[in-house]
PDB file of N, CA and C in Angstrom:
ATOM      1  N   UNK A   1      38.711 -14.725   8.334  1.00  0.00           N
ATOM      2  CA  UNK A   1      37.893 -14.377   7.202  1.00  0.00           C
ATOM      3  C   UNK A   1      36.525 -15.018   7.372  1.00  0.00           C
ATOM      4  N   UNK A   2      35.509 -14.294   6.995  1.00  0.00           N
ATOM      5  CA  UNK A   2      34.148 -14.798   7.093  1.00  0.00           C
ATOM      6  C   UNK A   2      33.449 -14.593   5.764  1.00  0.00           C
ATOM      7  N   UNK A   3      32.795 -15.633   5.308  1.00  0.00           N
ATOM      8  CA  UNK A   3      32.024 -15.575   4.067  1.00  0.00           C
ATOM      9  C   UNK A   3      30.566 -15.803   4.426  1.00  0.00           C
ATOM     10  N   UNK A   4      29.695 -14.996   3.854  1.00  0.00           N
ATOM     11  CA  UNK A   4      28.276 -15.114   4.154  1.00  0.00           C
ATOM     12  C   UNK A   4      27.452 -14.889   2.904  1.00  0.00           C
ATOM     13  N   UNK A   5      26.356 -15.626   2.799  1.00  0.00           N
ATOM     14  CA  UNK A   5      25.431 -15.424   1.689  1.00  0.00           C
ATOM     15  C   UNK A   5      24.453 -14.294   2.005  1.00  0.00           C
ATOM     16  N   UNK A   6      24.559 -13.777   3.219  1.00  0.00           N
ATOM     17  CA  UNK A   6      23.679 -12.690   3.667  1.00  0.00           C
ATOM     18  C   UNK A   6      24.473 -11.394   3.648  1.00  0.00           C
ATOM     19  N   UNK A   7      23.886 -10.330   3.123  1.00  0.00           N
ATOM     20  CA  UNK A   7      24.596  -9.057   3.036  1.00  0.00           C
ATOM     21  C   UNK A   7      24.866  -8.475   4.432  1.00  0.00           C
ATOM     22  N   UNK A   8      25.827  -7.580   4.498  1.00  0.00           N
ATOM     23  CA  UNK A   8      26.295  -7.010   5.769  1.00  0.00           C
ATOM     24  C   UNK A   8      25.190  -6.278   6.534  1.00  0.00           C
ATOM     25  N   UNK A   9      24.357  -5.538   5.822  1.00  0.00           N
ATOM     26  CA  UNK A   9      23.267  -4.799   6.473  1.00  0.00           C
ATOM     27  C   UNK A   9      22.308  -5.759   7.185  1.00  0.00           C
ATOM     28  N   UNK A  10      21.952  -6.835   6.512  1.00  0.00           N
ATOM     29  CA  UNK A  10      21.031  -7.815   7.099  1.00  0.00           C
ATOM     30  C   UNK A  10      21.685  -8.541   8.261  1.00  0.00           C
ATOM     31  N   UNK A  11      22.972  -8.855   8.136  1.00  0.00           N
ATOM     32  CA  UNK A  11      23.687  -9.486   9.249  1.00  0.00           C
ATOM     33  C   UNK A  11      23.676  -8.592  10.487  1.00  0.00           C
ATOM     34  N   UNK A  12      23.830  -7.288  10.275  1.00  0.00           N
ATOM     35  CA  UNK A  12      23.792  -6.340  11.399  1.00  0.00           C
ATOM     36  C   UNK A  12      22.396  -6.307  12.019  1.00  0.00           C
ATOM     37  N   UNK A  13      21.361  -6.375  11.196  1.00  0.00           N
ATOM     38  CA  UNK A  13      19.994  -6.390  11.718  1.00  0.00           C
ATOM     39  C   UNK A  13      19.743  -7.645  12.553  1.00  0.00           C
ATOM     40  N   UNK A  14      20.216  -8.787  12.074  1.00  0.00           N
ATOM     41  CA  UNK A  14      20.062 -10.044  12.813  1.00  0.00           C
ATOM     42  C   UNK A  14      20.817  -9.959  14.130  1.00  0.00           C
ATOM     43  N   UNK A  15      22.041  -9.444  14.091  1.00  0.00           N
ATOM     44  CA  UNK A  15      22.851  -9.323  15.304  1.00  0.00           C
ATOM     45  C   UNK A  15      22.204  -8.374  16.307  1.00  0.00           C
ATOM     46  N   UNK A  16      21.612  -7.285  15.824  1.00  0.00           N
ATOM     47  CA  UNK A  16      20.958  -6.348  16.732  1.00  0.00           C
ATOM     48  C   UNK A  16      19.760  -6.994  17.423  1.00  0.00           C
ATOM     49  N   UNK A  17      19.053  -7.896  16.729  1.00  0.00           N
ATOM     50  CA  UNK A  17      17.928  -8.613  17.344  1.00  0.00           C
ATOM     51  C   UNK A  17      18.424  -9.547  18.446  1.00  0.00           C
ATOM     52  N   UNK A  18      19.562 -10.213  18.191  1.00  0.00           N
ATOM     53  CA  UNK A  18      20.127 -11.113  19.207  1.00  0.00           C
ATOM     54  C   UNK A  18      20.541 -10.330  20.442  1.00  0.00           C
ATOM     55  N   UNK A  19      21.170  -9.182  20.247  1.00  0.00           N
ATOM     56  CA  UNK A  19      21.611  -8.358  21.376  1.00  0.00           C
ATOM     57  C   UNK A  19      20.429  -7.744  22.113  1.00  0.00           C
ATOM     58  N   UNK A  20      19.351  -7.481  21.406  1.00  0.00           N
ATOM     59  CA  UNK A  20      18.173  -6.856  22.009  1.00  0.00           C
ATOM     60  C   UNK A  20      17.558  -7.747  23.078  1.00  0.00           C
ATOM     61  N   UNK A  21      17.656  -9.050  22.915  1.00  0.00           N
ATOM     62  CA  UNK A  21      17.083  -9.969  23.902  1.00  0.00           C
ATOM     63  C   UNK A  21      17.800  -9.815  25.236  1.00  0.00           C
ATOM     64  N   UNK A  22      19.128  -9.756  25.211  1.00  0.00           N
ATOM     65  CA  UNK A  22      19.877  -9.588  26.455  1.00  0.00           C
ATOM     66  C   UNK A  22      19.588  -8.223  27.081  1.00  0.00           C
ATOM     67  N   UNK A  23      19.534  -7.184  26.264  1.00  0.00           N
ATOM     68  CA  UNK A  23      19.220  -5.847  26.768  1.00  0.00           C
ATOM     69  C   UNK A  23      17.834  -5.825  27.408  1.00  0.00           C
ATOM     70  N   UNK A  24      16.902  -6.503  26.789  1.00  0.00           N
ATOM     71  CA  UNK A  24      15.540  -6.593  27.322  1.00  0.00           C
ATOM     72  C   UNK A  24      15.539  -7.292  28.674  1.00  0.00           C
ATOM     73  N   UNK A  25      16.252  -8.388  28.777  1.00  0.00           N
ATOM     74  CA  UNK A  25      16.328  -9.124  30.036  1.00  0.00           C
ATOM     75  C   UNK A  25      16.940  -8.270  31.142  1.00  0.00           C
ATOM     76  N   UNK A  26      17.975  -7.522  30.829  1.00  0.00           N
ATOM     77  CA  UNK A  26      18.606  -6.683  31.856  1.00  0.00           C
ATOM     78  C   UNK A  26      17.701  -5.543  32.302  1.00  0.00           C
ATOM     79  N   UNK A  27      16.816  -5.078  31.425  1.00  0.00           N
ATOM     80  CA  UNK A  27      15.882  -4.018  31.803  1.00  0.00           C
ATOM     81  C   UNK A  27      14.747  -4.514  32.687  1.00  0.00           C
ATOM     82  N   UNK A  28      14.345  -5.757  32.500  1.00  0.00           N
ATOM     83  CA  UNK A  28      13.186  -6.281  33.219  1.00  0.00           C
ATOM     84  C   UNK A  28      13.541  -7.151  34.425  1.00  0.00           C
ATOM     85  N   UNK A  29      14.826  -7.342  34.698  1.00  0.00           N
ATOM     86  CA  UNK A  29      15.202  -8.217  35.809  1.00  0.00           C
ATOM     87  C   UNK A  29      16.381  -7.639  36.578  1.00  0.00           C
ATOM     88  N   UNK A  30      16.677  -8.276  37.698  1.00  0.00           N
ATOM     89  CA  UNK A  30      17.774  -7.865  38.561  1.00  0.00           C
ATOM     90  C   UNK A  30      18.795  -8.993  38.633  1.00  0.00           C
ATOM     91  N   UNK A  31      20.077  -8.621  38.574  1.00  0.00           N
ATOM     92  CA  UNK A  31      21.142  -9.620  38.667  1.00  0.00           C
ATOM     93  C   UNK A  31      21.256 -10.105  40.114  1.00  0.00           C
ATOM     94  N   UNK A  32      21.309 -11.430  40.284  1.00  0.00           N
ATOM     95  CA  UNK A  32      21.509 -12.019  41.609  1.00  0.00           C
ATOM     96  C   UNK A  32      22.938 -12.534  41.749  1.00  0.00           C
ATOM     97  N   UNK A  33      23.429 -13.158  40.707  1.00  0.00           N
ATOM     98  CA  UNK A  33      24.783 -13.695  40.662  1.00  0.00           C
ATOM     99  C   UNK A  33      25.126 -13.885  39.183  1.00  0.00           C
ATOM    100  N   UNK A  34      26.327 -14.363  38.907  1.00  0.00           N
ATOM    101  CA  UNK A  34      26.706 -14.610  37.514  1.00  0.00           C
ATOM    102  C   UNK A  34      25.736 -15.599  36.878  1.00  0.00           C
ATOM    103  N   UNK A  35      25.069 -15.167  35.813  1.00  0.00           N
ATOM    104  CA  UNK A  35      24.146 -16.033  35.095  1.00  0.00           C
ATOM    105  C   UNK A  35      22.806 -16.242  35.780  1.00  0.00           C
ATOM    106  N   UNK A  36      22.566 -15.542  36.864  1.00  0.00           N
ATOM    107  CA  UNK A  36      21.282 -15.678  37.580  1.00  0.00           C
ATOM    108  C   UNK A  36      20.606 -14.321  37.678  1.00  0.00           C
ATOM    109  N   UNK A  37      19.332 -14.292  37.314  1.00  0.00           N
ATOM    110  CA  UNK A  37      18.572 -13.048  37.372  1.00  0.00           C
ATOM    111  C   UNK A  37      17.215 -13.320  38.009  1.00  0.00           C
ATOM    112  N   UNK A  38      16.623 -12.286  38.581  1.00  0.00           N
ATOM    113  CA  UNK A  38      15.293 -12.377  39.178  1.00  0.00           C
ATOM    114  C   UNK A  38      14.415 -11.330  38.524  1.00  0.00           C
ATOM    115  N   UNK A  39      13.193 -11.743  38.145  1.00  0.00           N
ATOM    116  CA  UNK A  39      12.253 -10.838  37.509  1.00  0.00           C
ATOM    117  C   UNK A  39      10.996 -10.741  38.367  1.00  0.00           C
ATOM    118  N   UNK A  40      10.590  -9.527  38.727  1.00  0.00           N
ATOM    119  CA  UNK A  40       9.346  -9.369  39.482  1.00  0.00           C
ATOM    120  C   UNK A  40       8.155  -9.894  38.668  1.00  0.00           C
ATOM    121  N   UNK A  41       7.196 -10.454  39.352  1.00  0.00           N
ATOM    122  CA  UNK A  41       6.022 -11.027  38.685  1.00  0.00           C
ATOM    123  C   UNK A  41       5.295  -9.992  37.837  1.00  0.00           C
ATOM    124  N   UNK A  42       5.245  -8.743  38.294  1.00  0.00           N
ATOM    125  CA  UNK A  42       4.525  -7.713  37.538  1.00  0.00           C
ATOM    126  C   UNK A  42       5.242  -7.362  36.225  1.00  0.00           C
ATOM    127  N   UNK A  43       6.528  -7.638  36.129  1.00  0.00           N
ATOM    128  CA  UNK A  43       7.288  -7.336  34.918  1.00  0.00           C
ATOM    129  C   UNK A  43       7.211  -8.464  33.897  1.00  0.00           C
ATOM    130  N   UNK A  44       6.845  -9.650  34.334  1.00  0.00           N
ATOM    131  CA  UNK A  44       6.896 -10.825  33.457  1.00  0.00           C
ATOM    132  C   UNK A  44       6.018 -10.692  32.207  1.00  0.00           C
ATOM    133  N   UNK A  45       4.806 -10.243  32.364  1.00  0.00           N
ATOM    134  CA  UNK A  45       3.899 -10.087  31.218  1.00  0.00           C
ATOM    135  C   UNK A  45       4.433  -9.091  30.198  1.00  0.00           C
ATOM    136  N   UNK A  46       4.947  -7.957  30.681  1.00  0.00           N
ATOM    137  CA  UNK A  46       5.522  -6.959  29.781  1.00  0.00           C
ATOM    138  C   UNK A  46       6.761  -7.502  29.073  1.00  0.00           C
ATOM    139  N   UNK A  47       7.593  -8.226  29.824  1.00  0.00           N
ATOM    140  CA  UNK A  47       8.793  -8.833  29.254  1.00  0.00           C
ATOM    141  C   UNK A  47       8.423  -9.818  28.153  1.00  0.00           C
ATOM    142  N   UNK A  48       7.468 -10.695  28.426  1.00  0.00           N
ATOM    143  CA  UNK A  48       7.059 -11.703  27.449  1.00  0.00           C
ATOM    144  C   UNK A  48       6.449 -11.074  26.201  1.00  0.00           C
ATOM    145  N   UNK A  49       5.688  -9.992  26.371  1.00  0.00           N
ATOM    146  CA  UNK A  49       5.102  -9.304  25.220  1.00  0.00           C
ATOM    147  C   UNK A  49       6.197  -8.686  24.350  1.00  0.00           C
ATOM    148  N   UNK A  50       7.173  -8.068  24.971  1.00  0.00           N
ATOM    149  CA  UNK A  50       8.264  -7.462  24.219  1.00  0.00           C
ATOM    150  C   UNK A  50       9.143  -8.525  23.570  1.00  0.00           C
ATOM    151  N   UNK A  51       9.348  -9.624  24.259  1.00  0.00           N
ATOM    152  CA  UNK A  51      10.118 -10.736  23.707  1.00  0.00           C
ATOM    153  C   UNK A  51       9.413 -11.313  22.478  1.00  0.00           C
ATOM    154  N   UNK A  52       8.104 -11.431  22.539  1.00  0.00           N
ATOM    155  CA  UNK A  52       7.323 -11.916  21.399  1.00  0.00           C
ATOM    156  C   UNK A  52       7.433 -10.953  20.218  1.00  0.00           C
ATOM    157  N   UNK A  53       7.415  -9.645  20.497  1.00  0.00           N
ATOM    158  CA  UNK A  53       7.573  -8.649  19.437  1.00  0.00           C
ATOM    159  C   UNK A  53       8.935  -8.790  18.759  1.00  0.00           C
ATOM    160  N   UNK A  54       9.997  -8.920  19.560  1.00  0.00           N
ATOM    161  CA  UNK A  54      11.343  -9.096  19.009  1.00  0.00           C
ATOM    162  C   UNK A  54      11.435 -10.378  18.185  1.00  0.00           C
ATOM    163  N   UNK A  55      10.825 -11.438  18.688  1.00  0.00           N
ATOM    164  CA  UNK A  55      10.844 -12.709  17.985  1.00  0.00           C
ATOM    165  C   UNK A  55      10.117 -12.603  16.636  1.00  0.00           C
ATOM    166  N   UNK A  56       8.987 -11.931  16.625  1.00  0.00           N
ATOM    167  CA  UNK A  56       8.228 -11.743  15.381  1.00  0.00           C
ATOM    168  C   UNK A  56       9.032 -10.941  14.366  1.00  0.00           C
ATOM    169  N   UNK A  57       9.706  -9.884  14.832  1.00  0.00           N
ATOM    170  CA  UNK A  57      10.546  -9.092  13.933  1.00  0.00           C
ATOM    171  C   UNK A  57      11.649  -9.955  13.334  1.00  0.00           C
ATOM    172  N   UNK A  58      12.290 -10.756  14.168  1.00  0.00           N
ATOM    173  CA  UNK A  58      13.356 -11.633  13.695  1.00  0.00           C
ATOM    174  C   UNK A  58      12.852 -12.660  12.700  1.00  0.00           C
ATOM    175  N   UNK A  59      11.698 -13.241  12.973  1.00  0.00           N
ATOM    176  CA  UNK A  59      11.127 -14.223  12.058  1.00  0.00           C
ATOM    177  C   UNK A  59      10.766 -13.593  10.718  1.00  0.00           C
ATOM    178  N   UNK A  60      10.235 -12.366  10.741  1.00  0.00           N
ATOM    179  CA  UNK A  60       9.924 -11.667   9.491  1.00  0.00           C
ATOM    180  C   UNK A  60      11.201 -11.392   8.697  1.00  0.00           C
ATOM    181  N   UNK A  61      12.262 -11.026   9.395  1.00  0.00           N
ATOM    182  CA  UNK A  61      13.537 -10.759   8.735  1.00  0.00           C
ATOM    183  C   UNK A  61      14.079 -12.019   8.069  1.00  0.00           C
ATOM    184  N   UNK A  62      14.093 -13.126   8.789  1.00  0.00           N
ATOM    185  CA  UNK A  62      14.576 -14.392   8.237  1.00  0.00           C
ATOM    186  C   UNK A  62      13.664 -14.855   7.090  1.00  0.00           C
ATOM    187  N   UNK A  63      12.365 -14.713   7.271  1.00  0.00           N
ATOM    188  CA  UNK A  63      11.415 -15.112   6.242  1.00  0.00           C
ATOM    189  C   UNK A  63      11.615 -14.310   4.962  1.00  0.00           C
ATOM    190  N   UNK A  64      11.922 -13.020   5.120  1.00  0.00           N
ATOM    191  CA  UNK A  64      12.157 -12.198   3.930  1.00  0.00           C
ATOM    192  C   UNK A  64      13.429 -12.634   3.206  1.00  0.00           C
ATOM    193  N   UNK A  65      14.413 -13.136   3.962  1.00  0.00           N
ATOM    194  CA  UNK A  65      15.638 -13.656   3.337  1.00  0.00           C
ATOM    195  C   UNK A  65      15.338 -14.913   2.530  1.00  0.00           C
ATOM    196  N   UNK A  66      14.504 -15.773   3.101  1.00  0.00           N
ATOM    197  CA  UNK A  66      14.171 -17.033   2.444  1.00  0.00           C
ATOM    198  C   UNK A  66      13.153 -16.851   1.329  1.00  0.00           C
ATOM    199  N   UNK A  67      12.448 -15.742   1.371  1.00  0.00           N
ATOM    200  CA  UNK A  67      11.375 -15.465   0.413  1.00  0.00           C
ATOM    201  C   UNK A  67      10.372 -16.613   0.369  1.00  0.00           C
ATOM    202  N   UNK A  68      10.156 -17.216   1.549  1.00  0.00           N
ATOM    203  CA  UNK A  68       9.184 -18.294   1.664  1.00  0.00           C
ATOM    204  C   UNK A  68       9.651 -19.620   1.105  1.00  0.00           C
ATOM    205  N   UNK A  69      10.897 -19.720   0.655  1.00  0.00           N
ATOM    206  CA  UNK A  69      11.391 -20.948   0.047  1.00  0.00           C
ATOM    207  C   UNK A  69      12.630 -21.453   0.773  1.00  0.00           C
ATOM    208  N   UNK A  70      12.453 -22.448   1.618  1.00  0.00           N
ATOM    209  CA  UNK A  70      13.546 -23.004   2.393  1.00  0.00           C
ATOM    210  C   UNK A  70      14.570 -23.679   1.489  1.00  0.00           C
ATOM    211  N   UNK A  71      14.153 -24.123   0.318  1.00  0.00           N
ATOM    212  CA  UNK A  71      15.047 -24.817  -0.613  1.00  0.00           C
ATOM    213  C   UNK A  71      16.163 -23.912  -1.138  1.00  0.00           C
ATOM    214  N   UNK A  72      16.034 -22.609  -0.967  1.00  0.00           N
ATOM    215  CA  UNK A  72      17.043 -21.698  -1.507  1.00  0.00           C
ATOM    216  C   UNK A  72      18.355 -21.777  -0.729  1.00  0.00           C
ATOM    217  N   UNK A  73      18.368 -22.427   0.437  1.00  0.00           N
ATOM    218  CA  UNK A  73      19.601 -22.616   1.194  1.00  0.00           C
ATOM    219  C   UNK A  73      20.082 -24.039   1.026  1.00  0.00           C
ATOM    220  N   UNK A  74      21.337 -24.218   0.654  1.00  0.00           N
ATOM    221  CA  UNK A  74      21.886 -25.566   0.462  1.00  0.00           C
ATOM    222  C   UNK A  74      21.770 -26.398   1.736  1.00  0.00           C
ATOM    223  N   UNK A  75      21.510 -27.681   1.574  1.00  0.00           N
ATOM    224  CA  UNK A  75      21.428 -28.585   2.721  1.00  0.00           C
ATOM    225  C   UNK A  75      20.065 -28.595   3.386  1.00  0.00           C
ATOM    226  N   UNK A  76      19.146 -27.767   2.942  1.00  0.00           N
ATOM    227  CA  UNK A  76      17.801 -27.719   3.527  1.00  0.00           C
ATOM    228  C   UNK A  76      16.824 -28.356   2.552  1.00  0.00           C
ATOM    229  N   UNK A  77      15.997 -29.228   3.101  1.00  0.00           N
ATOM    230  CA  UNK A  77      14.990 -29.873   2.264  1.00  0.00           C
ATOM    231  C   UNK A  77      13.615 -29.610   2.855  1.00  0.00           C
ATOM    232  N   UNK A  78      12.662 -29.328   2.021  1.00  0.00           N
ATOM    233  CA  UNK A  78      11.291 -29.137   2.489  1.00  0.00           C
ATOM    234  C   UNK A  78      10.663 -30.488   2.741  1.00  0.00           C
ATOM    235  N   UNK A  79       9.798 -30.528   3.784  1.00  0.00           N
ATOM    236  CA  UNK A  79       9.039 -31.746   4.046  1.00  0.00           C
ATOM    237  C   UNK A  79       9.706 -32.677   4.880  1.00  0.00           C
TER     238      UNK A  79
END
C-alpha cells in the first residue's frame, strides 16, 4: 500500500520526467558495458540543453505543488 499527499496524475508526471532522463541518455549515447555509456562530443551540447529543459519542467512541476511555500510539507523548515 502506498499513501501520497500528491495526486495520481501529478505522480505520473513526476515519474515520466524521471524516466525521460534515461531515455534521453540512451538517445544521445552508446552503451559500452553495463552502466557505462559513451557520448560523442558533438552530442554533448544538445544533450545538456535537453537535460536542462527536462530539469526546468520538473522544477516548475514541484514548485507548483509547493505553491512557493516549503512550509506546506511536514518536516520542512524555511531558512
